[in-house]
């Protein structure tokens, strides 16, 4: 960006980046990305369709799963235009307003997904600790209110981020290291003091994702304590098996996020390829894998999906 100190942010653009050093094979790289997006969007849409149309799946566990599918669908749609634009059309430019909008939705959906994973941990704890009161504690109206609170919390903490970025002037390098915009990178492009942005940008994940992860850990400590008190070995394994899908979703969500945050904070520029790969894993793998993991591990859901495919084939 050939900018000086009086450059107006509205006239500036950022340049997004694909995989460094692989520009000559971007068209080939676009093939797996297209497949990932198609599988992610179709998979999460199909999960939502099955849960919505099958009354037997209108239970707390599957309602929370539908919330997870909605956030994963939104994440795929938020990153797909710029990512495929780079690899298919070599379109790297993004205006600052578009960049701010994209990072708002990415961070908002990640915050909501963290909240949903916490709710799913609480769901598993109630189901194992007090199964007789499970349905009376997690009623559909109560789940709806909790979901609304999670959404409003995400909006409240993420909404200031684009406004804090909008007040800055950008006169440094305008090349971002990912094919999408995230707050940690964009704020470092500013030529003004970013202390407020940095403090707020660090506080938000600590008070949302960080707090959620601690509460999830606490939930599993309590789940493990409850399971170990069960005398029957078979019942103990059955109870733990109901948590496997959720544990996979938690690991898929938190591990790439932690690695990417560490690199952005302490190793910027040291591992460009690792940073790029973690960036894609951070946003593309959870929406891709969550429908697959839950479809494989949940017998009830798997049976409904197979039945739906059979019906579609018979009707065809």
C-alpha atoms as a PDB file:
ATOM      1  CA  UNK A   1       0.000   0.000   0.000  1.00  0.00           C
ATOM      2  CA  UNK A   2       1.723   3.177  -1.124  1.00  0.00           C
ATOM      3  CA  UNK A   3       0.368   5.039   1.838  1.00  0.00           C
ATOM      4  CA  UNK A   4       1.550   7.918   3.944  1.00  0.00           C
ATOM      5  CA  UNK A   5       0.432   8.996   7.381  1.00  0.00           C
ATOM      6  CA  UNK A   6      -2.660  10.808   6.089  1.00  0.00           C
ATOM      7  CA  UNK A   7      -3.921   7.891   4.012  1.00  0.00           C
ATOM      8  CA  UNK A   8      -7.625   7.284   4.498  1.00  0.00           C
ATOM      9  CA  UNK A   9      -8.474   3.730   5.411  1.00  0.00           C
ATOM     10  CA  UNK A  10     -11.437   3.691   2.988  1.00  0.00           C
ATOM     11  CA  UNK A  11      -9.141   4.058  -0.034  1.00  0.00           C
ATOM     12  CA  UNK A  12      -6.767   1.283   0.985  1.00  0.00           C
ATOM     13  CA  UNK A  13      -6.707  -2.428   0.264  1.00  0.00           C
ATOM     14  CA  UNK A  14      -5.035  -5.482   1.757  1.00  0.00           C
ATOM     15  CA  UNK A  15      -3.430  -8.253  -0.244  1.00  0.00           C
ATOM     16  CA  UNK A  16      -4.297 -11.780   0.853  1.00  0.00           C
ATOM     17  CA  UNK A  17      -1.850 -14.673   0.476  1.00  0.00           C
ATOM     18  CA  UNK A  18      -2.232 -18.325  -0.463  1.00  0.00           C
ATOM     19  CA  UNK A  19       0.463 -20.883   0.263  1.00  0.00           C
ATOM     20  CA  UNK A  20       3.862 -19.114   0.058  1.00  0.00           C
ATOM     21  CA  UNK A  21       6.027 -20.266  -2.842  1.00  0.00           C
ATOM     22  CA  UNK A  22       3.260 -22.308  -4.479  1.00  0.00           C
ATOM     23  CA  UNK A  23       1.701 -19.614  -6.643  1.00  0.00           C
ATOM     24  CA  UNK A  24       2.360 -21.547  -9.869  1.00  0.00           C
ATOM     25  CA  UNK A  25       0.194 -24.480  -8.723  1.00  0.00           C
ATOM     26  CA  UNK A  26      -2.673 -22.521  -7.171  1.00  0.00           C
ATOM     27  CA  UNK A  27      -5.164 -24.003  -9.624  1.00  0.00           C
ATOM     28  CA  UNK A  28      -4.256 -27.535  -8.535  1.00  0.00           C
ATOM     29  CA  UNK A  29      -4.322 -26.542  -4.863  1.00  0.00           C
ATOM     30  CA  UNK A  30      -7.836 -25.195  -5.391  1.00  0.00           C
ATOM     31  CA  UNK A  31      -9.151 -28.742  -6.024  1.00  0.00           C
ATOM     32  CA  UNK A  32      -8.776 -30.020  -2.409  1.00  0.00           C
ATOM     33  CA  UNK A  33     -10.022 -26.677  -1.095  1.00  0.00           C
ATOM     34  CA  UNK A  34     -13.140 -26.909  -3.262  1.00  0.00           C
ATOM     35  CA  UNK A  35     -13.734 -30.476  -2.068  1.00  0.00           C
ATOM     36  CA  UNK A  36     -13.319 -29.440   1.569  1.00  0.00           C
ATOM     37  CA  UNK A  37     -15.807 -26.599   1.200  1.00  0.00           C
ATOM     38  CA  UNK A  38     -18.329 -28.766  -0.645  1.00  0.00           C
ATOM     39  CA  UNK A  39     -18.094 -31.565   1.946  1.00  0.00           C
ATOM     40  CA  UNK A  40     -18.292 -29.077   4.811  1.00  0.00           C
ATOM     41  CA  UNK A  41     -21.296 -27.161   3.464  1.00  0.00           C
ATOM     42  CA  UNK A  42     -23.195 -30.254   2.316  1.00  0.00           C
ATOM     43  CA  UNK A  43     -22.336 -32.203   5.477  1.00  0.00           C
ATOM     44  CA  UNK A  44     -23.460 -29.499   7.903  1.00  0.00           C
ATOM     45  CA  UNK A  45     -26.554 -28.720   5.804  1.00  0.00           C
ATOM     46  CA  UNK A  46     -27.510 -32.398   5.788  1.00  0.00           C
ATOM     47  CA  UNK A  47     -27.031 -32.660   9.570  1.00  0.00           C
ATOM     48  CA  UNK A  48     -29.360 -29.676  10.013  1.00  0.00           C
ATOM     49  CA  UNK A  49     -31.912 -31.156   7.604  1.00  0.00           C
ATOM     50  CA  UNK A  50     -31.939 -34.545   9.359  1.00  0.00           C
ATOM     51  CA  UNK A  51     -32.290 -33.017  12.834  1.00  0.00           C
ATOM     52  CA  UNK A  52     -35.026 -30.601  11.715  1.00  0.00           C
ATOM     53  CA  UNK A  53     -37.149 -33.186   9.893  1.00  0.00           C
ATOM     54  CA  UNK A  54     -36.812 -36.087  12.360  1.00  0.00           C
ATOM     55  CA  UNK A  55     -38.835 -35.512  15.583  1.00  0.00           C
ATOM     56  CA  UNK A  56     -36.913 -38.283  17.359  1.00  0.00           C
ATOM     57  CA  UNK A  57     -33.792 -36.094  17.131  1.00  0.00           C
ATOM     58  CA  UNK A  58     -35.413 -33.114  18.836  1.00  0.00           C
ATOM     59  CA  UNK A  59     -33.388 -33.793  21.972  1.00  0.00           C
ATOM     60  CA  UNK A  60     -30.867 -31.514  23.751  1.00  0.00           C
ATOM     61  CA  UNK A  61     -27.803 -33.342  22.400  1.00  0.00           C
ATOM     62  CA  UNK A  62     -28.938 -32.971  18.787  1.00  0.00           C
ATOM     63  CA  UNK A  63     -30.182 -29.411  19.261  1.00  0.00           C
ATOM     64  CA  UNK A  64     -26.677 -28.468  20.420  1.00  0.00           C
ATOM     65  CA  UNK A  65     -25.250 -30.383  17.454  1.00  0.00           C
ATOM     66  CA  UNK A  66     -27.458 -28.347  15.119  1.00  0.00           C
ATOM     67  CA  UNK A  67     -26.083 -25.154  16.713  1.00  0.00           C
ATOM     68  CA  UNK A  68     -22.569 -26.429  16.053  1.00  0.00           C
ATOM     69  CA  UNK A  69     -23.510 -27.221  12.443  1.00  0.00           C
ATOM     70  CA  UNK A  70     -24.882 -23.690  11.933  1.00  0.00           C
ATOM     71  CA  UNK A  71     -21.658 -22.071  13.191  1.00  0.00           C
ATOM     72  CA  UNK A  72     -19.528 -24.428  11.070  1.00  0.00           C
ATOM     73  CA  UNK A  73     -21.652 -23.648   8.010  1.00  0.00           C
ATOM     74  CA  UNK A  74     -21.203 -19.923   8.683  1.00  0.00           C
ATOM     75  CA  UNK A  75     -17.424 -20.305   9.048  1.00  0.00           C
ATOM     76  CA  UNK A  76     -17.175 -22.079   5.706  1.00  0.00           C
ATOM     77  CA  UNK A  77     -19.223 -19.364   3.998  1.00  0.00           C
ATOM     78  CA  UNK A  78     -17.138 -16.601   5.641  1.00  0.00           C
ATOM     79  CA  UNK A  79     -13.782 -17.802   4.317  1.00  0.00           C
ATOM     80  CA  UNK A  80     -14.808 -19.448   1.033  1.00  0.00           C
ATOM     81  CA  UNK A  81     -15.054 -16.290  -1.182  1.00  0.00           C
ATOM     82  CA  UNK A  82     -11.529 -15.027  -0.472  1.00  0.00           C
ATOM     83  CA  UNK A  83      -9.843 -18.434  -0.254  1.00  0.00           C
ATOM     84  CA  UNK A  84     -11.246 -19.749  -3.534  1.00  0.00           C
ATOM     85  CA  UNK A  85     -10.833 -16.299  -5.078  1.00  0.00           C
ATOM     86  CA  UNK A  86      -7.080 -16.557  -4.536  1.00  0.00           C
ATOM     87  CA  UNK A  87      -6.651 -20.119  -5.783  1.00  0.00           C
ATOM     88  CA  UNK A  88      -9.119 -20.036  -8.679  1.00  0.00           C
ATOM     89  CA  UNK A  89      -8.990 -16.422  -9.870  1.00  0.00           C
ATOM     90  CA  UNK A  90      -5.732 -15.112  -8.352  1.00  0.00           C
ATOM     91  CA  UNK A  91      -7.827 -12.348  -6.773  1.00  0.00           C
ATOM     92  CA  UNK A  92      -5.812 -11.155  -3.790  1.00  0.00           C
ATOM     93  CA  UNK A  93      -7.168  -7.686  -3.101  1.00  0.00           C
ATOM     94  CA  UNK A  94      -9.717  -7.026  -0.376  1.00  0.00           C
ATOM     95  CA  UNK A  95     -10.917  -3.606   0.738  1.00  0.00           C
ATOM     96  CA  UNK A  96     -10.553  -2.647   4.364  1.00  0.00           C
ATOM     97  CA  UNK A  97     -14.317  -2.565   4.954  1.00  0.00           C
ATOM     98  CA  UNK A  98     -14.721  -6.034   3.448  1.00  0.00           C
ATOM     99  CA  UNK A  99     -11.764  -7.234   5.502  1.00  0.00           C
ATOM    100  CA  UNK A 100     -13.264  -5.842   8.715  1.00  0.00           C
ATOM    101  CA  UNK A 101     -16.608  -7.491   7.928  1.00  0.00           C
ATOM    102  CA  UNK A 102     -14.945 -10.844   7.259  1.00  0.00           C
ATOM    103  CA  UNK A 103     -12.865 -10.838  10.431  1.00  0.00           C
ATOM    104  CA  UNK A 104     -15.941  -9.829  12.442  1.00  0.00           C
ATOM    105  CA  UNK A 105     -17.880 -12.879  11.257  1.00  0.00           C
ATOM    106  CA  UNK A 106     -14.890 -15.211  11.633  1.00  0.00           C
ATOM    107  CA  UNK A 107     -14.201 -14.144  15.233  1.00  0.00           C
ATOM    108  CA  UNK A 108     -17.926 -14.015  16.074  1.00  0.00           C
ATOM    109  CA  UNK A 109     -18.561 -17.542  14.805  1.00  0.00           C
ATOM    110  CA  UNK A 110     -15.458 -18.874  16.538  1.00  0.00           C
ATOM    111  CA  UNK A 111     -16.637 -17.301  19.802  1.00  0.00           C
ATOM    112  CA  UNK A 112     -20.126 -18.800  19.369  1.00  0.00           C
ATOM    113  CA  UNK A 113     -18.659 -22.211  18.509  1.00  0.00           C
ATOM    114  CA  UNK A 114     -16.608 -22.135  21.699  1.00  0.00           C
ATOM    115  CA  UNK A 115     -19.792 -21.401  23.662  1.00  0.00           C
ATOM    116  CA  UNK A 116     -21.633 -24.245  21.913  1.00  0.00           C
ATOM    117  CA  UNK A 117     -18.831 -26.687  22.747  1.00  0.00           C
ATOM    118  CA  UNK A 118     -19.139 -25.596  26.389  1.00  0.00           C
ATOM    119  CA  UNK A 119     -22.899 -26.196  26.284  1.00  0.00           C
ATOM    120  CA  UNK A 120     -22.305 -29.633  24.780  1.00  0.00           C
ATOM    121  CA  UNK A 121     -19.895 -30.448  27.617  1.00  0.00           C
ATOM    122  CA  UNK A 122     -22.552 -29.366  30.120  1.00  0.00           C
ATOM    123  CA  UNK A 123     -25.084 -31.501  28.230  1.00  0.00           C
ATOM    124  CA  UNK A 124     -22.852 -34.582  28.556  1.00  0.00           C
ATOM    125  CA  UNK A 125     -22.286 -33.867  32.261  1.00  0.00           C
ATOM    126  CA  UNK A 126     -26.025 -33.653  33.000  1.00  0.00           C
ATOM    127  CA  UNK A 127     -26.761 -36.767  30.904  1.00  0.00           C
ATOM    128  CA  UNK A 128     -24.179 -38.802  32.841  1.00  0.00           C
ATOM    129  CA  UNK A 129     -24.566 -37.261  36.299  1.00  0.00           C
ATOM    130  CA  UNK A 130     -28.355 -36.986  36.486  1.00  0.00           C
ATOM    131  CA  UNK A 131     -29.977 -38.870  33.564  1.00  0.00           C
ATOM    132  CA  UNK A 132     -33.435 -38.982  35.186  1.00  0.00           C
ATOM    133  CA  UNK A 133     -33.645 -35.165  35.304  1.00  0.00           C
ATOM    134  CA  UNK A 134     -31.851 -34.642  31.977  1.00  0.00           C
ATOM    135  CA  UNK A 135     -34.966 -33.816  29.931  1.00  0.00           C
ATOM    136  CA  UNK A 136     -36.457 -31.603  32.655  1.00  0.00           C
ATOM    137  CA  UNK A 137     -33.232 -29.568  33.070  1.00  0.00           C
ATOM    138  CA  UNK A 138     -32.462 -29.075  29.369  1.00  0.00           C
ATOM    139  CA  UNK A 139     -35.881 -28.191  28.006  1.00  0.00           C
ATOM    140  CA  UNK A 140     -36.206 -26.769  24.487  1.00  0.00           C
ATOM    141  CA  UNK A 141     -37.241 -23.243  25.669  1.00  0.00           C
ATOM    142  CA  UNK A 142     -34.290 -23.175  28.065  1.00  0.00           C
ATOM    143  CA  UNK A 143     -31.905 -24.329  25.319  1.00  0.00           C
ATOM    144  CA  UNK A 144     -33.254 -21.571  23.065  1.00  0.00           C
ATOM    145  CA  UNK A 145     -32.593 -18.920  25.723  1.00  0.00           C
ATOM    146  CA  UNK A 146     -29.093 -20.254  26.379  1.00  0.00           C
ATOM    147  CA  UNK A 147     -28.349 -20.226  22.647  1.00  0.00           C
ATOM    148  CA  UNK A 148     -29.529 -16.609  22.398  1.00  0.00           C
ATOM    149  CA  UNK A 149     -27.278 -15.627  25.321  1.00  0.00           C
ATOM    150  CA  UNK A 150     -24.289 -17.267  23.589  1.00  0.00           C
ATOM    151  CA  UNK A 151     -25.030 -15.348  20.388  1.00  0.00           C
ATOM    152  CA  UNK A 152     -25.457 -12.021  22.199  1.00  0.00           C
ATOM    153  CA  UNK A 153     -22.264 -12.598  24.187  1.00  0.00           C
ATOM    154  CA  UNK A 154     -20.368 -13.161  20.948  1.00  0.00           C
ATOM    155  CA  UNK A 155     -21.776 -10.030  19.328  1.00  0.00           C
ATOM    156  CA  UNK A 156     -21.078  -7.915  22.424  1.00  0.00           C
ATOM    157  CA  UNK A 157     -17.404  -8.874  22.693  1.00  0.00           C
ATOM    158  CA  UNK A 158     -16.552  -9.062  18.962  1.00  0.00           C
ATOM    159  CA  UNK A 159     -18.435  -5.999  17.653  1.00  0.00           C
ATOM    160  CA  UNK A 160     -15.884  -3.445  19.019  1.00  0.00           C
ATOM    161  CA  UNK A 161     -13.024  -5.120  17.097  1.00  0.00           C
ATOM    162  CA  UNK A 162     -13.830  -3.801  13.579  1.00  0.00           C
ATOM    163  CA  UNK A 163     -14.544  -0.332  14.992  1.00  0.00           C
ATOM    164  CA  UNK A 164     -11.206  -0.307  16.813  1.00  0.00           C
ATOM    165  CA  UNK A 165      -9.508  -1.266  13.549  1.00  0.00           C
ATOM    166  CA  UNK A 166     -11.499   1.260  11.526  1.00  0.00           C
ATOM    167  CA  UNK A 167     -10.154   4.201  13.527  1.00  0.00           C
ATOM    168  CA  UNK A 168      -6.563   3.342  12.562  1.00  0.00           C
ATOM    169  CA  UNK A 169      -4.542   4.426   9.532  1.00  0.00           C
ATOM    170  CA  UNK A 170      -2.671   1.795   7.561  1.00  0.00           C
ATOM    171  CA  UNK A 171       0.675   2.725   6.051  1.00  0.00           C
ATOM    172  CA  UNK A 172       2.827  -0.375   6.566  1.00  0.00           C
ATOM    173  CA  UNK A 173       3.009  -3.527   4.469  1.00  0.00           C
ATOM    174  CA  UNK A 174      -0.478  -4.442   3.322  1.00  0.00           C
ATOM    175  CA  UNK A 175       0.278  -8.130   2.645  1.00  0.00           C
ATOM    176  CA  UNK A 176      -1.520 -10.518   4.996  1.00  0.00           C
ATOM    177  CA  UNK A 177      -0.180 -14.041   5.497  1.00  0.00           C
ATOM    178  CA  UNK A 178      -3.556 -15.798   5.171  1.00  0.00           C
ATOM    179  CA  UNK A 179      -6.283 -16.008   2.546  1.00  0.00           C
ATOM    180  CA  UNK A 180      -8.699 -14.338   4.965  1.00  0.00           C
ATOM    181  CA  UNK A 181      -8.620 -11.492   7.501  1.00  0.00           C
ATOM    182  CA  UNK A 182      -8.134 -11.956  11.230  1.00  0.00           C
ATOM    183  CA  UNK A 183      -7.682  -9.303  13.892  1.00  0.00           C
ATOM    184  CA  UNK A 184      -4.188 -10.368  15.050  1.00  0.00           C
ATOM    185  CA  UNK A 185      -2.736  -9.655  11.617  1.00  0.00           C
ATOM    186  CA  UNK A 186      -4.708  -6.636  10.482  1.00  0.00           C
ATOM    187  CA  UNK A 187      -3.961  -4.513  13.536  1.00  0.00           C
ATOM    188  CA  UNK A 188      -0.203  -4.978  12.974  1.00  0.00           C
ATOM    189  CA  UNK A 189      -0.527  -3.256   9.586  1.00  0.00           C
ATOM    190  CA  UNK A 190      -1.439   0.053  11.263  1.00  0.00           C
ATOM    191  CA  UNK A 191       1.044   2.922  11.542  1.00  0.00           C
ATOM    192  CA  UNK A 192      -0.595   4.350  14.679  1.00  0.00           C
ATOM    193  CA  UNK A 193      -0.460   3.161  18.284  1.00  0.00           C
ATOM    194  CA  UNK A 194      -2.287  -0.176  18.564  1.00  0.00           C
ATOM    195  CA  UNK A 195      -1.993  -0.596  22.325  1.00  0.00           C
ATOM    196  CA  UNK A 196      -5.775  -0.472  22.855  1.00  0.00           C
ATOM    197  CA  UNK A 197      -6.345  -2.919  20.004  1.00  0.00           C
ATOM    198  CA  UNK A 198      -3.678  -5.260  21.322  1.00  0.00           C
ATOM    199  CA  UNK A 199      -5.029  -5.247  24.879  1.00  0.00           C
ATOM    200  CA  UNK A 200      -8.613  -5.762  23.732  1.00  0.00           C
ATOM    201  CA  UNK A 201      -7.567  -8.344  21.158  1.00  0.00           C
ATOM    202  CA  UNK A 202      -5.812 -10.342  23.883  1.00  0.00           C
ATOM    203  CA  UNK A 203      -8.580  -9.903  26.470  1.00  0.00           C
ATOM    204  CA  UNK A 204     -11.389 -11.161  24.226  1.00  0.00           C
ATOM    205  CA  UNK A 205     -10.046 -14.704  23.632  1.00  0.00           C
ATOM    206  CA  UNK A 206      -8.984 -15.016  27.271  1.00  0.00           C
ATOM    207  CA  UNK A 207     -12.442 -14.067  28.567  1.00  0.00           C
ATOM    208  CA  UNK A 208     -14.363 -16.109  25.984  1.00  0.00           C
ATOM    209  CA  UNK A 209     -12.480 -19.033  24.446  1.00  0.00           C
ATOM    210  CA  UNK A 210     -10.040 -19.252  27.375  1.00  0.00           C
ATOM    211  CA  UNK A 211     -12.805 -19.246  29.983  1.00  0.00           C
ATOM    212  CA  UNK A 212     -14.876 -21.704  27.956  1.00  0.00           C
ATOM    213  CA  UNK A 213     -11.951 -24.121  27.672  1.00  0.00           C
ATOM    214  CA  UNK A 214     -11.408 -24.052  31.440  1.00  0.00           C
ATOM    215  CA  UNK A 215     -15.096 -24.737  32.070  1.00  0.00           C
ATOM    216  CA  UNK A 216     -15.024 -27.584  29.533  1.00  0.00           C
ATOM    217  CA  UNK A 217     -12.023 -29.053  31.353  1.00  0.00           C
ATOM    218  CA  UNK A 218     -13.873 -28.707  34.665  1.00  0.00           C
ATOM    219  CA  UNK A 219     -16.926 -30.417  33.146  1.00  0.00           C
ATOM    220  CA  UNK A 220     -14.827 -33.378  32.074  1.00  0.00           C
ATOM    221  CA  UNK A 221     -13.162 -33.621  35.462  1.00  0.00           C
ATOM    222  CA  UNK A 222     -16.645 -33.880  36.990  1.00  0.00           C
ATOM    223  CA  UNK A 223     -17.742 -36.336  34.270  1.00  0.00           C
ATOM    224  CA  UNK A 224     -14.697 -38.524  34.953  1.00  0.00           C
ATOM    225  CA  UNK A 225     -15.368 -38.378  38.677  1.00  0.00           C
ATOM    226  CA  UNK A 226     -18.969 -39.479  38.089  1.00  0.00           C
ATOM    227  CA  UNK A 227     -17.993 -42.244  35.658  1.00  0.00           C
ATOM    228  CA  UNK A 228     -15.366 -43.681  38.006  1.00  0.00           C
ATOM    229  CA  UNK A 229     -18.022 -44.018  40.696  1.00  0.00           C
ATOM    230  CA  UNK A 230     -20.025 -46.376  38.457  1.00  0.00           C
ATOM    231  CA  UNK A 231     -19.437 -49.950  39.574  1.00  0.00           C
ATOM    232  CA  UNK A 232     -20.295 -51.606  36.259  1.00  0.00           C
ATOM    233  CA  UNK A 233     -17.342 -51.588  33.862  1.00  0.00           C
ATOM    234  CA  UNK A 234     -19.656 -51.838  30.829  1.00  0.00           C
ATOM    235  CA  UNK A 235     -21.785 -48.884  32.002  1.00  0.00           C
ATOM    236  CA  UNK A 236     -18.620 -46.877  32.640  1.00  0.00           C
ATOM    237  CA  UNK A 237     -17.368 -47.445  29.078  1.00  0.00           C
ATOM    238  CA  UNK A 238     -20.812 -46.719  27.636  1.00  0.00           C
ATOM    239  CA  UNK A 239     -20.942 -43.379  29.468  1.00  0.00           C
ATOM    240  CA  UNK A 240     -17.443 -42.407  28.301  1.00  0.00           C
ATOM    241  CA  UNK A 241     -18.266 -43.422  24.731  1.00  0.00           C
ATOM    242  CA  UNK A 242     -21.011 -40.782  24.589  1.00  0.00           C
ATOM    243  CA  UNK A 243     -18.312 -38.127  25.078  1.00  0.00           C
ATOM    244  CA  UNK A 244     -15.932 -39.243  22.315  1.00  0.00           C
ATOM    245  CA  UNK A 245     -17.522 -37.161  19.538  1.00  0.00           C
ATOM    246  CA  UNK A 246     -17.523 -34.043  21.680  1.00  0.00           C
ATOM    247  CA  UNK A 247     -13.913 -34.568  22.749  1.00  0.00           C
ATOM    248  CA  UNK A 248     -12.901 -34.834  19.076  1.00  0.00           C
ATOM    249  CA  UNK A 249     -14.753 -31.586  18.308  1.00  0.00           C
ATOM    250  CA  UNK A 250     -13.046 -29.851  21.250  1.00  0.00           C
ATOM    251  CA  UNK A 251      -9.574 -30.972  20.137  1.00  0.00           C
ATOM    252  CA  UNK A 252     -10.256 -29.971  16.514  1.00  0.00           C
ATOM    253  CA  UNK A 253     -11.340 -26.520  17.715  1.00  0.00           C
ATOM    254  CA  UNK A 254      -8.828 -25.627  20.427  1.00  0.00           C
ATOM    255  CA  UNK A 255      -5.537 -27.192  19.270  1.00  0.00           C
ATOM    256  CA  UNK A 256      -5.142 -25.295  15.949  1.00  0.00           C
ATOM    257  CA  UNK A 257      -6.421 -22.088  17.577  1.00  0.00           C
ATOM    258  CA  UNK A 258      -3.841 -22.346  20.371  1.00  0.00           C
ATOM    259  CA  UNK A 259      -1.000 -23.069  17.949  1.00  0.00           C
ATOM    260  CA  UNK A 260      -1.949 -20.200  15.644  1.00  0.00           C
ATOM    261  CA  UNK A 261      -2.286 -17.753  18.552  1.00  0.00           C
ATOM    262  CA  UNK A 262       1.165 -18.697  19.883  1.00  0.00           C
ATOM    263  CA  UNK A 263       2.752 -18.177  16.458  1.00  0.00           C
ATOM    264  CA  UNK A 264       1.023 -14.814  15.971  1.00  0.00           C
ATOM    265  CA  UNK A 265       2.086 -13.598  19.408  1.00  0.00           C
ATOM    266  CA  UNK A 266       5.626 -14.922  19.680  1.00  0.00           C
ATOM    267  CA  UNK A 267       6.848 -16.394  16.394  1.00  0.00           C
ATOM    268  CA  UNK A 268       5.603 -13.992  13.733  1.00  0.00           C
ATOM    269  CA  UNK A 269       7.495 -14.593  10.488  1.00  0.00           C
ATOM    270  CA  UNK A 270       9.533 -17.489  11.894  1.00  0.00           C
ATOM    271  CA  UNK A 271       7.437 -20.351  10.492  1.00  0.00           C
ATOM    272  CA  UNK A 272       5.483 -18.961   7.504  1.00  0.00           C
ATOM    273  CA  UNK A 273       4.456 -22.342   6.078  1.00  0.00           C
ATOM    274  CA  UNK A 274       3.431 -23.715   9.491  1.00  0.00           C
ATOM    275  CA  UNK A 275       1.492 -20.520  10.175  1.00  0.00           C
ATOM    276  CA  UNK A 276      -0.343 -20.850   6.856  1.00  0.00           C
ATOM    277  CA  UNK A 277      -1.175 -24.524   7.391  1.00  0.00           C
ATOM    278  CA  UNK A 278      -2.383 -23.926  10.956  1.00  0.00           C
ATOM    279  CA  UNK A 279      -4.501 -21.063   9.642  1.00  0.00           C
ATOM    280  CA  UNK A 280      -6.284 -23.401   7.252  1.00  0.00           C
ATOM    281  CA  UNK A 281      -6.633 -26.160   9.844  1.00  0.00           C
ATOM    282  CA  UNK A 282      -7.998 -23.584  12.308  1.00  0.00           C
ATOM    283  CA  UNK A 283     -10.900 -22.572  10.035  1.00  0.00           C
ATOM    284  CA  UNK A 284     -11.427 -25.382   7.522  1.00  0.00           C
ATOM    285  CA  UNK A 285     -10.913 -28.644   9.397  1.00  0.00           C
ATOM    286  CA  UNK A 286     -13.521 -28.314  12.220  1.00  0.00           C
ATOM    287  CA  UNK A 287     -16.440 -27.558   9.818  1.00  0.00           C
ATOM    288  CA  UNK A 288     -15.230 -30.422   7.630  1.00  0.00           C
ATOM    289  CA  UNK A 289     -14.694 -33.039  10.346  1.00  0.00           C
ATOM    290  CA  UNK A 290     -17.456 -32.321  12.879  1.00  0.00           C
ATOM    291  CA  UNK A 291     -20.321 -33.697  10.712  1.00  0.00           C
ATOM    292  CA  UNK A 292     -18.209 -36.754   9.857  1.00  0.00           C
ATOM    293  CA  UNK A 293     -17.234 -37.457  13.480  1.00  0.00           C
ATOM    294  CA  UNK A 294     -20.784 -37.105  14.806  1.00  0.00           C
ATOM    295  CA  UNK A 295     -22.270 -39.122  11.928  1.00  0.00           C
ATOM    296  CA  UNK A 296     -19.837 -41.975  12.581  1.00  0.00           C
ATOM    297  CA  UNK A 297     -19.998 -41.988  16.393  1.00  0.00           C
ATOM    298  CA  UNK A 298     -23.713 -41.332  16.956  1.00  0.00           C
ATOM    299  CA  UNK A 299     -25.601 -44.538  16.168  1.00  0.00           C
ATOM    300  CA  UNK A 300     -29.000 -42.812  16.319  1.00  0.00           C
ATOM    301  CA  UNK A 301     -27.930 -40.046  13.925  1.00  0.00           C
ATOM    302  CA  UNK A 302     -26.136 -42.488  11.636  1.00  0.00           C
ATOM    303  CA  UNK A 303     -29.269 -44.620  11.285  1.00  0.00           C
ATOM    304  CA  UNK A 304     -31.354 -41.563  10.398  1.00  0.00           C
ATOM    305  CA  UNK A 305     -28.805 -40.453   7.782  1.00  0.00           C
ATOM    306  CA  UNK A 306     -28.705 -43.925   6.190  1.00  0.00           C
ATOM    307  CA  UNK A 307     -32.509 -44.028   6.171  1.00  0.00           C
ATOM    308  CA  UNK A 308     -32.643 -40.605   4.517  1.00  0.00           C
ATOM    309  CA  UNK A 309     -30.209 -41.708   1.796  1.00  0.00           C
ATOM    310  CA  UNK A 310     -32.268 -44.852   1.171  1.00  0.00           C
ATOM    311  CA  UNK A 311     -35.463 -42.795   0.864  1.00  0.00           C
ATOM    312  CA  UNK A 312     -33.795 -40.354  -1.535  1.00  0.00           C
ATOM    313  CA  UNK A 313     -32.525 -43.254  -3.655  1.00  0.00           C
ATOM    314  CA  UNK A 314     -35.951 -44.943  -3.728  1.00  0.00           C
ATOM    315  CA  UNK A 315     -37.647 -41.691  -4.705  1.00  0.00           C
ATOM    316  CA  UNK A 316     -35.045 -41.150  -7.426  1.00  0.00           C
END
